[in-house]
Amino acid sequence: MSTHKTVSNVTLTTLLGIMKRGEKFACLTAYDACFASILSEVGVEVLLVGDSLGMVIQGHDSTLPVTMDDMIYHTHCVKRGNRGSLLMADLPFMSYASESQTLENAAALMRAGAHIVKLEGGAWIANTTRLLTERGIPVCAHMGLTPQSVNRIGGFHVQGRDTEQAQLIIEEAQMLEASGANILLLECVPKSLAKTITESVGIPVIGIGAGPATTGQIMVLHDVLGVSPITPRFVKNFLKESDNGIPGAIEAYVKAVHGSSFPGEEHCFN
C-alpha cells in the first residue's frame, strides 16, 4: 500500500523548515508534464528542469548544446504537470555571461513557471547571484563538479579531494550564501566536504554524489529508473526493486531520502 504524502505548494520557506527540523527533502529532474505530475504526486519536493536534458533527452555527450529555447520549452511542460513541488530550472551554458543577458534569461525561466533558477560556478557567480536575488529571482548555486565547465576541468571528475581545493569550495560556498544564494547544490565532492559545507551555511544544501549529510538529495530521473547510458557511482536504480512500476520506484527514492538510507556508503566519495 502506498504511504506517500503528496507535496503541496513547496516553497523556499518549506525547505528552510525541513532543514531547521533536521529532516531531508527529495529532488529529481523532470522534463515533461507527465513525469512532473507523477513525481509531485508521490512526494518529490523539488523538480529540476535540468540542462541534463541535453544528454538524456537530446542525446548529446554534454550539457553544452542546450539552449535557452530548450529550457523555456521544457520548463513550460513541467509547470503544466507539476502538482505542488518547488520548480527549479537551469540557466544553460553561456546564458548568464553578461548582466543584461542574465536578467533577461532568468526572467524568461520565471515566466515559464520556474520558482528558482540554478547556475553553475564558484566565486565568479557571486555578483550574478546578488544581481538576481536583489531583483526577486531566487538562486541555487551549483558547485563542485559543474558540467558546463567539463572542458575546463578535463572531464567528469570528483572535486575537492585535496585540502587546498576543498578549502576554496568551502569559502566560495560561504561567499555565495552571503551574496544571496537561497540554496547550494554540491555535485561529486567527498562526503566529508559536503558535511562541512552543510554545517557551515544557513541555507539548504542539495547533494548529488556528495554523501548523506546534505539537507536534500537530487538525482537524474533516468538514473533512478535505470535507463541512463552511464551509471556513475552515486546512482541507484530504484525501478529494479519496485512492485508498482515507475510510481513505486519514485516513491521508494523519496522514502529512502527522507529516511536517510540513500545515499549509502557505496554511493559516496571519500
C-alpha atoms as a PDB file:
ATOM      1  CA  MET A   1       0.000   0.000   0.000  1.00  0.00           C
ATOM      2  CA  SER A   2       1.218   3.497  -0.838  1.00  0.00           C
ATOM      3  CA  THR A   3       2.181   5.595   2.166  1.00  0.00           C
ATOM      4  CA  HIS A   4       3.397   8.677   0.338  1.00  0.00           C
ATOM      5  CA  LYS A   5       2.384  12.198   1.186  1.00  0.00           C
ATOM      6  CA  THR A   6       1.618  14.365  -1.815  1.00  0.00           C
ATOM      7  CA  VAL A   7       3.546  17.623  -1.753  1.00  0.00           C
ATOM      8  CA  SER A   8       1.585  20.839  -1.591  1.00  0.00           C
ATOM      9  CA  ASN A   9       2.874  24.268  -2.588  1.00  0.00           C
ATOM     10  CA  VAL A  10       6.501  23.700  -1.601  1.00  0.00           C
ATOM     11  CA  THR A  11       8.392  26.990  -1.245  1.00  0.00           C
ATOM     12  CA  LEU A  12      11.845  28.060  -0.133  1.00  0.00           C
ATOM     13  CA  THR A  13      10.320  28.585   3.319  1.00  0.00           C
ATOM     14  CA  THR A  14       9.203  24.940   3.258  1.00  0.00           C
ATOM     15  CA  LEU A  15      12.755  23.801   2.522  1.00  0.00           C
ATOM     16  CA  LEU A  16      14.184  26.020   5.267  1.00  0.00           C
ATOM     17  CA  GLY A  17      11.724  24.489   7.705  1.00  0.00           C
ATOM     18  CA  ILE A  18      12.804  20.981   6.692  1.00  0.00           C
ATOM     19  CA  MET A  19      16.442  21.988   7.207  1.00  0.00           C
ATOM     20  CA  LYS A  20      15.804  23.527  10.634  1.00  0.00           C
ATOM     21  CA  ARG A  21      13.961  20.402  11.777  1.00  0.00           C
ATOM     22  CA  GLY A  22      16.933  18.268  10.755  1.00  0.00           C
ATOM     23  CA  GLU A  23      14.862  16.457   8.142  1.00  0.00           C
ATOM     24  CA  LYS A  24      15.561  15.695   4.463  1.00  0.00           C
ATOM     25  CA  PHE A  25      13.892  16.559   1.164  1.00  0.00           C
ATOM     26  CA  ALA A  26      13.967  14.823  -2.215  1.00  0.00           C
ATOM     27  CA  CYS A  27      14.664  16.341  -5.621  1.00  0.00           C
ATOM     28  CA  LEU A  28      14.529  14.846  -9.116  1.00  0.00           C
ATOM     29  CA  THR A  29      14.918  16.127 -12.636  1.00  0.00           C
ATOM     30  CA  ALA A  30      11.789  16.414 -14.762  1.00  0.00           C
ATOM     31  CA  TYR A  31      11.447  17.368 -18.409  1.00  0.00           C
ATOM     32  CA  ASP A  32       7.753  16.894 -19.270  1.00  0.00           C
ATOM     33  CA  ALA A  33       4.261  17.260 -17.834  1.00  0.00           C
ATOM     34  CA  CYS A  34       3.561  13.542 -17.404  1.00  0.00           C
ATOM     35  CA  PHE A  35       6.582  12.805 -15.228  1.00  0.00           C
ATOM     36  CA  ALA A  36       6.227  16.115 -13.386  1.00  0.00           C
ATOM     37  CA  SER A  37       2.764  15.002 -12.310  1.00  0.00           C
ATOM     38  CA  ILE A  38       3.972  11.573 -11.160  1.00  0.00           C
ATOM     39  CA  LEU A  39       6.933  12.994  -9.243  1.00  0.00           C
ATOM     40  CA  SER A  40       4.985  15.680  -7.429  1.00  0.00           C
ATOM     41  CA  GLU A  41       2.137  13.297  -6.617  1.00  0.00           C
ATOM     42  CA  VAL A  42       4.453  10.814  -4.860  1.00  0.00           C
ATOM     43  CA  GLY A  43       6.170  13.434  -2.724  1.00  0.00           C
ATOM     44  CA  VAL A  44       9.217  14.847  -4.544  1.00  0.00           C
ATOM     45  CA  GLU A  45       9.655  18.295  -3.000  1.00  0.00           C
ATOM     46  CA  VAL A  46      11.806  19.849  -5.752  1.00  0.00           C
ATOM     47  CA  LEU A  47      11.610  19.300  -9.511  1.00  0.00           C
ATOM     48  CA  LEU A  48      14.625  20.407 -11.539  1.00  0.00           C
ATOM     49  CA  VAL A  49      14.295  21.159 -15.223  1.00  0.00           C
ATOM     50  CA  GLY A  50      17.954  20.405 -15.762  1.00  0.00           C
ATOM     51  CA  ASP A  51      20.193  21.080 -18.705  1.00  0.00           C
ATOM     52  CA  SER A  52      20.938  17.370 -18.255  1.00  0.00           C
ATOM     53  CA  LEU A  53      18.155  17.080 -20.827  1.00  0.00           C
ATOM     54  CA  GLY A  54      20.894  17.646 -23.381  1.00  0.00           C
ATOM     55  CA  MET A  55      22.299  14.212 -22.530  1.00  0.00           C
ATOM     56  CA  VAL A  56      19.262  12.126 -21.512  1.00  0.00           C
ATOM     57  CA  ILE A  57      16.660  13.638 -23.870  1.00  0.00           C
ATOM     58  CA  GLN A  58      18.626  15.055 -26.808  1.00  0.00           C
ATOM     59  CA  GLY A  59      21.461  12.518 -26.910  1.00  0.00           C
ATOM     60  CA  HIS A  60      24.402  14.920 -26.664  1.00  0.00           C
ATOM     61  CA  ASP A  61      27.634  13.971 -24.887  1.00  0.00           C
ATOM     62  CA  SER A  62      27.464  17.028 -22.595  1.00  0.00           C
ATOM     63  CA  THR A  63      25.062  19.749 -21.469  1.00  0.00           C
ATOM     64  CA  LEU A  64      26.738  22.450 -23.552  1.00  0.00           C
ATOM     65  CA  PRO A  65      24.454  22.335 -26.645  1.00  0.00           C
ATOM     66  CA  VAL A  66      21.321  23.074 -24.579  1.00  0.00           C
ATOM     67  CA  THR A  67      19.769  26.441 -25.454  1.00  0.00           C
ATOM     68  CA  MET A  68      17.509  28.883 -23.636  1.00  0.00           C
ATOM     69  CA  ASP A  69      14.696  27.926 -26.013  1.00  0.00           C
ATOM     70  CA  ASP A  70      15.117  24.292 -24.909  1.00  0.00           C
ATOM     71  CA  MET A  71      14.997  25.267 -21.249  1.00  0.00           C
ATOM     72  CA  ILE A  72      11.968  27.534 -21.640  1.00  0.00           C
ATOM     73  CA  TYR A  73      10.060  24.843 -23.569  1.00  0.00           C
ATOM     74  CA  HIS A  74      10.710  22.108 -21.010  1.00  0.00           C
ATOM     75  CA  THR A  75      10.004  24.444 -18.077  1.00  0.00           C
ATOM     76  CA  HIS A  76       6.606  25.222 -19.593  1.00  0.00           C
ATOM     77  CA  CYS A  77       5.942  21.480 -19.941  1.00  0.00           C
ATOM     78  CA  VAL A  78       6.938  20.635 -16.368  1.00  0.00           C
ATOM     79  CA  LYS A  79       4.975  23.565 -14.977  1.00  0.00           C
ATOM     80  CA  ARG A  80       1.790  22.197 -16.554  1.00  0.00           C
ATOM     81  CA  GLY A  81       2.215  18.824 -14.882  1.00  0.00           C
ATOM     82  CA  ASN A  82       3.506  19.981 -11.511  1.00  0.00           C
ATOM     83  CA  ARG A  83       1.151  19.431  -8.579  1.00  0.00           C
ATOM     84  CA  GLY A  84       2.851  21.475  -5.874  1.00  0.00           C
ATOM     85  CA  SER A  85       6.604  20.845  -5.958  1.00  0.00           C
ATOM     86  CA  LEU A  86       9.109  23.707  -5.987  1.00  0.00           C
ATOM     87  CA  LEU A  87      10.173  24.106  -9.628  1.00  0.00           C
ATOM     88  CA  MET A  88      13.831  24.866 -10.318  1.00  0.00           C
ATOM     89  CA  ALA A  89      15.255  25.496 -13.789  1.00  0.00           C
ATOM     90  CA  ASP A  90      18.809  25.633 -15.080  1.00  0.00           C
ATOM     91  CA  LEU A  91      20.330  28.618 -16.802  1.00  0.00           C
ATOM     92  CA  PRO A  92      22.204  26.801 -19.600  1.00  0.00           C
ATOM     93  CA  PHE A  93      25.760  27.255 -20.848  1.00  0.00           C
ATOM     94  CA  MET A  94      26.687  30.900 -21.631  1.00  0.00           C
ATOM     95  CA  SER A  95      23.210  32.189 -20.826  1.00  0.00           C
ATOM     96  CA  TYR A  96      24.453  34.326 -17.902  1.00  0.00           C
ATOM     97  CA  ALA A  97      27.632  35.814 -19.341  1.00  0.00           C
ATOM     98  CA  SER A  98      26.526  39.441 -19.009  1.00  0.00           C
ATOM     99  CA  GLU A  99      24.237  41.367 -16.676  1.00  0.00           C
ATOM    100  CA  SER A 100      21.555  42.088 -19.268  1.00  0.00           C
ATOM    101  CA  GLN A 101      21.658  38.532 -20.616  1.00  0.00           C
ATOM    102  CA  THR A 102      21.380  37.081 -17.114  1.00  0.00           C
ATOM    103  CA  LEU A 103      18.340  39.159 -16.188  1.00  0.00           C
ATOM    104  CA  GLU A 104      16.565  38.520 -19.494  1.00  0.00           C
ATOM    105  CA  ASN A 105      17.134  34.754 -19.424  1.00  0.00           C
ATOM    106  CA  ALA A 106      16.346  34.277 -15.733  1.00  0.00           C
ATOM    107  CA  ALA A 107      13.143  36.281 -16.171  1.00  0.00           C
ATOM    108  CA  ALA A 108      12.190  34.083 -19.120  1.00  0.00           C
ATOM    109  CA  LEU A 109      12.512  30.936 -16.989  1.00  0.00           C
ATOM    110  CA  MET A 110      10.477  32.501 -14.181  1.00  0.00           C
ATOM    111  CA  ARG A 111       7.741  33.473 -16.650  1.00  0.00           C
ATOM    112  CA  ALA A 112       7.748  29.892 -17.930  1.00  0.00           C
ATOM    113  CA  GLY A 113       6.941  28.671 -14.423  1.00  0.00           C
ATOM    114  CA  ALA A 114      10.211  28.324 -12.501  1.00  0.00           C
ATOM    115  CA  HIS A 115      10.288  29.321  -8.838  1.00  0.00           C
ATOM    116  CA  ILE A 116      14.101  29.443  -8.664  1.00  0.00           C
ATOM    117  CA  VAL A 117      16.941  29.363 -11.195  1.00  0.00           C
ATOM    118  CA  LYS A 118      20.155  27.361 -10.931  1.00  0.00           C
ATOM    119  CA  LEU A 119      23.547  28.459 -12.203  1.00  0.00           C
ATOM    120  CA  GLU A 120      26.959  26.846 -12.026  1.00  0.00           C
ATOM    121  CA  GLY A 121      30.143  28.299 -10.610  1.00  0.00           C
ATOM    122  CA  GLY A 122      32.053  29.478  -7.583  1.00  0.00           C
ATOM    123  CA  ALA A 123      33.201  32.962  -6.568  1.00  0.00           C
ATOM    124  CA  TRP A 124      32.768  34.287 -10.091  1.00  0.00           C
ATOM    125  CA  ILE A 125      28.951  33.947  -9.902  1.00  0.00           C
ATOM    126  CA  ALA A 126      28.713  35.911  -6.628  1.00  0.00           C
ATOM    127  CA  ASN A 127      27.849  39.178  -8.367  1.00  0.00           C
ATOM    128  CA  THR A 128      25.406  37.385 -10.663  1.00  0.00           C
ATOM    129  CA  THR A 129      23.744  35.781  -7.648  1.00  0.00           C
ATOM    130  CA  ARG A 130      23.439  39.162  -5.944  1.00  0.00           C
ATOM    131  CA  LEU A 131      22.058  40.731  -9.130  1.00  0.00           C
ATOM    132  CA  LEU A 132      19.302  38.134  -9.422  1.00  0.00           C
ATOM    133  CA  THR A 133      18.273  37.880  -5.783  1.00  0.00           C
ATOM    134  CA  GLU A 134      18.113  41.646  -5.372  1.00  0.00           C
ATOM    135  CA  ARG A 135      15.571  41.634  -8.181  1.00  0.00           C
ATOM    136  CA  GLY A 136      13.403  38.933  -6.660  1.00  0.00           C
ATOM    137  CA  ILE A 137      14.749  35.906  -8.537  1.00  0.00           C
ATOM    138  CA  PRO A 138      15.833  33.135  -6.133  1.00  0.00           C
ATOM    139  CA  VAL A 139      19.115  31.354  -6.926  1.00  0.00           C
ATOM    140  CA  CYS A 140      20.519  27.883  -6.420  1.00  0.00           C
ATOM    141  CA  ALA A 141      24.316  27.942  -6.783  1.00  0.00           C
ATOM    142  CA  HIS A 142      25.711  24.705  -8.263  1.00  0.00           C
ATOM    143  CA  MET A 143      29.247  23.916  -7.039  1.00  0.00           C
ATOM    144  CA  GLY A 144      31.778  21.077  -7.129  1.00  0.00           C
ATOM    145  CA  LEU A 145      31.568  19.234 -10.431  1.00  0.00           C
ATOM    146  CA  THR A 146      29.971  21.753 -12.778  1.00  0.00           C
ATOM    147  CA  PRO A 147      29.077  20.016 -16.069  1.00  0.00           C
ATOM    148  CA  GLN A 148      29.054  23.269 -18.060  1.00  0.00           C
ATOM    149  CA  SER A 149      32.801  23.539 -17.274  1.00  0.00           C
ATOM    150  CA  VAL A 150      33.578  19.971 -18.341  1.00  0.00           C
ATOM    151  CA  ASN A 151      36.135  21.083 -20.937  1.00  0.00           C
ATOM    152  CA  ARG A 152      37.983  23.291 -18.464  1.00  0.00           C
ATOM    153  CA  ILE A 153      38.158  20.699 -15.683  1.00  0.00           C
ATOM    154  CA  GLY A 154      39.039  17.894 -18.089  1.00  0.00           C
ATOM    155  CA  GLY A 155      36.058  15.582 -17.680  1.00  0.00           C
ATOM    156  CA  PHE A 156      33.580  14.423 -15.075  1.00  0.00           C
ATOM    157  CA  HIS A 157      35.829  14.102 -12.015  1.00  0.00           C
ATOM    158  CA  VAL A 158      35.313  14.358  -8.241  1.00  0.00           C
ATOM    159  CA  GLN A 159      36.142  17.851  -6.992  1.00  0.00           C
ATOM    160  CA  GLY A 160      37.604  18.961  -3.637  1.00  0.00           C
ATOM    161  CA  ARG A 161      39.704  15.918  -2.794  1.00  0.00           C
ATOM    162  CA  ASP A 162      42.849  17.874  -1.957  1.00  0.00           C
ATOM    163  CA  THR A 163      42.945  20.226   1.029  1.00  0.00           C
ATOM    164  CA  GLU A 164      43.507  23.418  -0.949  1.00  0.00           C
ATOM    165  CA  GLN A 165      40.639  22.829  -3.365  1.00  0.00           C
ATOM    166  CA  ALA A 166      38.324  21.735  -0.548  1.00  0.00           C
ATOM    167  CA  GLN A 167      39.035  24.915   1.415  1.00  0.00           C
ATOM    168  CA  LEU A 168      38.351  27.007  -1.683  1.00  0.00           C
ATOM    169  CA  ILE A 169      34.978  25.330  -2.193  1.00  0.00           C
ATOM    170  CA  ILE A 170      34.059  25.977   1.470  1.00  0.00           C
ATOM    171  CA  GLU A 171      34.997  29.652   1.188  1.00  0.00           C
ATOM    172  CA  GLU A 172      33.137  30.075  -2.081  1.00  0.00           C
ATOM    173  CA  ALA A 173      30.033  28.384  -0.660  1.00  0.00           C
ATOM    174  CA  GLN A 174      30.008  30.886   2.198  1.00  0.00           C
ATOM    175  CA  MET A 175      30.596  33.738  -0.254  1.00  0.00           C
ATOM    176  CA  LEU A 176      27.636  32.655  -2.382  1.00  0.00           C
ATOM    177  CA  GLU A 177      25.394  32.440   0.670  1.00  0.00           C
ATOM    178  CA  ALA A 178      26.471  35.962   1.621  1.00  0.00           C
ATOM    179  CA  SER A 179      25.688  37.071  -1.935  1.00  0.00           C
ATOM    180  CA  GLY A 180      22.111  35.906  -1.548  1.00  0.00           C
ATOM    181  CA  ALA A 181      22.052  32.306  -2.785  1.00  0.00           C
ATOM    182  CA  ASN A 182      18.963  30.569  -1.427  1.00  0.00           C
ATOM    183  CA  ILE A 183      20.195  27.001  -1.997  1.00  0.00           C
ATOM    184  CA  LEU A 184      23.552  25.360  -2.697  1.00  0.00           C
ATOM    185  CA  LEU A 185      23.917  22.234  -4.830  1.00  0.00           C
ATOM    186  CA  LEU A 186      27.083  20.164  -4.425  1.00  0.00           C
ATOM    187  CA  GLU A 187      27.943  17.626  -7.124  1.00  0.00           C
ATOM    188  CA  CYS A 188      30.608  14.923  -6.866  1.00  0.00           C
ATOM    189  CA  VAL A 189      32.520  16.070  -3.803  1.00  0.00           C
ATOM    190  CA  PRO A 190      33.808  13.957  -0.882  1.00  0.00           C
ATOM    191  CA  LYS A 191      31.137  13.292   1.731  1.00  0.00           C
ATOM    192  CA  SER A 192      33.251  14.911   4.481  1.00  0.00           C
ATOM    193  CA  LEU A 193      33.488  18.141   2.471  1.00  0.00           C
ATOM    194  CA  ALA A 194      29.740  18.186   1.824  1.00  0.00           C
ATOM    195  CA  LYS A 195      29.110  17.679   5.539  1.00  0.00           C
ATOM    196  CA  THR A 196      31.415  20.576   6.436  1.00  0.00           C
ATOM    197  CA  ILE A 197      29.706  22.915   3.976  1.00  0.00           C
ATOM    198  CA  THR A 198      26.211  21.863   5.058  1.00  0.00           C
ATOM    199  CA  GLU A 199      27.093  22.629   8.675  1.00  0.00           C
ATOM    200  CA  SER A 200      28.798  25.930   7.851  1.00  0.00           C
ATOM    201  CA  VAL A 201      25.959  27.632   5.955  1.00  0.00           C
ATOM    202  CA  GLY A 202      22.457  28.611   6.940  1.00  0.00           C
ATOM    203  CA  ILE A 203      20.706  27.624   3.720  1.00  0.00           C
ATOM    204  CA  PRO A 204      19.643  24.201   2.410  1.00  0.00           C
ATOM    205  CA  VAL A 205      22.305  22.173   0.614  1.00  0.00           C
ATOM    206  CA  ILE A 206      21.371  19.614  -2.036  1.00  0.00           C
ATOM    207  CA  GLY A 207      23.776  16.826  -2.878  1.00  0.00           C
ATOM    208  CA  ILE A 208      24.391  14.517  -5.807  1.00  0.00           C
ATOM    209  CA  GLY A 209      27.360  12.256  -5.284  1.00  0.00           C
ATOM    210  CA  ALA A 210      28.049  14.275  -2.129  1.00  0.00           C
ATOM    211  CA  GLY A 211      27.132  11.867   0.641  1.00  0.00           C
ATOM    212  CA  PRO A 212      24.234  11.716   3.124  1.00  0.00           C
ATOM    213  CA  ALA A 213      24.818  14.848   5.231  1.00  0.00           C
ATOM    214  CA  THR A 214      23.201  17.376   2.873  1.00  0.00           C
ATOM    215  CA  THR A 215      19.654  18.575   3.526  1.00  0.00           C
ATOM    216  CA  GLY A 216      18.402  17.376   0.141  1.00  0.00           C
ATOM    217  CA  GLN A 217      19.357  14.787  -2.447  1.00  0.00           C
ATOM    218  CA  ILE A 218      18.916  15.047  -6.195  1.00  0.00           C
ATOM    219  CA  MET A 219      19.221  12.534  -8.996  1.00  0.00           C
ATOM    220  CA  VAL A 220      18.546  12.482 -12.706  1.00  0.00           C
ATOM    221  CA  LEU A 221      15.174  10.799 -13.261  1.00  0.00           C
ATOM    222  CA  HIS A 222      16.620   8.429 -15.858  1.00  0.00           C
ATOM    223  CA  ASP A 223      19.210   7.241 -13.318  1.00  0.00           C
ATOM    224  CA  VAL A 224      16.543   6.419 -10.724  1.00  0.00           C
ATOM    225  CA  LEU A 225      14.747   4.385 -13.394  1.00  0.00           C
ATOM    226  CA  GLY A 226      17.910   2.641 -14.591  1.00  0.00           C
ATOM    227  CA  VAL A 227      17.690   3.801 -18.205  1.00  0.00           C
ATOM    228  CA  SER A 228      20.692   6.150 -18.413  1.00  0.00           C
ATOM    229  CA  PRO A 229      23.522   5.133 -20.766  1.00  0.00           C
ATOM    230  CA  ILE A 230      26.071   5.569 -17.950  1.00  0.00           C
ATOM    231  CA  THR A 231      25.870   4.632 -14.269  1.00  0.00           C
ATOM    232  CA  PRO A 232      28.054   6.808 -12.010  1.00  0.00           C
ATOM    233  CA  ARG A 233      28.970   5.523  -8.567  1.00  0.00           C
ATOM    234  CA  PHE A 234      26.363   7.699  -6.837  1.00  0.00           C
ATOM    235  CA  VAL A 235      23.456   6.285  -8.867  1.00  0.00           C
ATOM    236  CA  LYS A 236      20.918   3.738  -7.652  1.00  0.00           C
ATOM    237  CA  ASN A 237      18.294   2.040  -9.832  1.00  0.00           C
ATOM    238  CA  PHE A 238      15.096   2.166  -7.765  1.00  0.00           C
ATOM    239  CA  LEU A 239      12.926   0.679 -10.518  1.00  0.00           C
ATOM    240  CA  LYS A 240      14.656  -2.692 -10.235  1.00  0.00           C
ATOM    241  CA  GLU A 241      13.028  -3.429  -6.868  1.00  0.00           C
ATOM    242  CA  SER A 242       9.708  -1.661  -7.424  1.00  0.00           C
ATOM    243  CA  ASP A 243       6.470  -3.636  -7.276  1.00  0.00           C
ATOM    244  CA  ASN A 244       4.488  -0.666  -8.575  1.00  0.00           C
ATOM    245  CA  GLY A 245       6.410   0.317 -11.684  1.00  0.00           C
ATOM    246  CA  ILE A 246       7.634   3.864 -12.108  1.00  0.00           C
ATOM    247  CA  PRO A 247       5.477   5.495  -9.381  1.00  0.00           C
ATOM    248  CA  GLY A 248       6.696   2.857  -6.942  1.00  0.00           C
ATOM    249  CA  ALA A 249      10.321   3.487  -7.865  1.00  0.00           C
ATOM    250  CA  ILE A 250       9.974   7.234  -7.359  1.00  0.00           C
ATOM    251  CA  GLU A 251       8.159   6.724  -4.078  1.00  0.00           C
ATOM    252  CA  ALA A 252      10.934   4.363  -2.907  1.00  0.00           C
ATOM    253  CA  TYR A 253      13.529   7.007  -3.772  1.00  0.00           C
ATOM    254  CA  VAL A 254      11.639   9.675  -1.805  1.00  0.00           C
ATOM    255  CA  LYS A 255      11.266   7.337   1.178  1.00  0.00           C
ATOM    256  CA  ALA A 256      14.978   6.442   1.070  1.00  0.00           C
ATOM    257  CA  VAL A 257      15.989  10.121   1.025  1.00  0.00           C
ATOM    258  CA  HIS A 258      13.574  11.093   3.790  1.00  0.00           C
ATOM    259  CA  GLY A 259      14.759   8.161   5.887  1.00  0.00           C
ATOM    260  CA  SER A 260      18.466   8.821   5.220  1.00  0.00           C
ATOM    261  CA  SER A 261      19.036   5.325   3.800  1.00  0.00           C
ATOM    262  CA  PHE A 262      20.083   6.837   0.451  1.00  0.00           C
ATOM    263  CA  PRO A 263      22.779   7.600  -0.411  1.00  0.00           C
ATOM    264  CA  GLY A 264      24.592   4.687   1.208  1.00  0.00           C
ATOM    265  CA  GLU A 265      28.332   4.317   1.671  1.00  0.00           C
ATOM    266  CA  GLU A 266      28.608   2.667  -1.746  1.00  0.00           C
ATOM    267  CA  HIS A 267      27.312   5.855  -3.369  1.00  0.00           C
ATOM    268  CA  CYS A 268      29.815   8.200  -1.694  1.00  0.00           C
ATOM    269  CA  PHE A 269      33.267   9.577  -2.462  1.00  0.00           C
ATOM    270  CA  ASN A 270      35.900   9.765   0.271  1.00  0.00           C
END
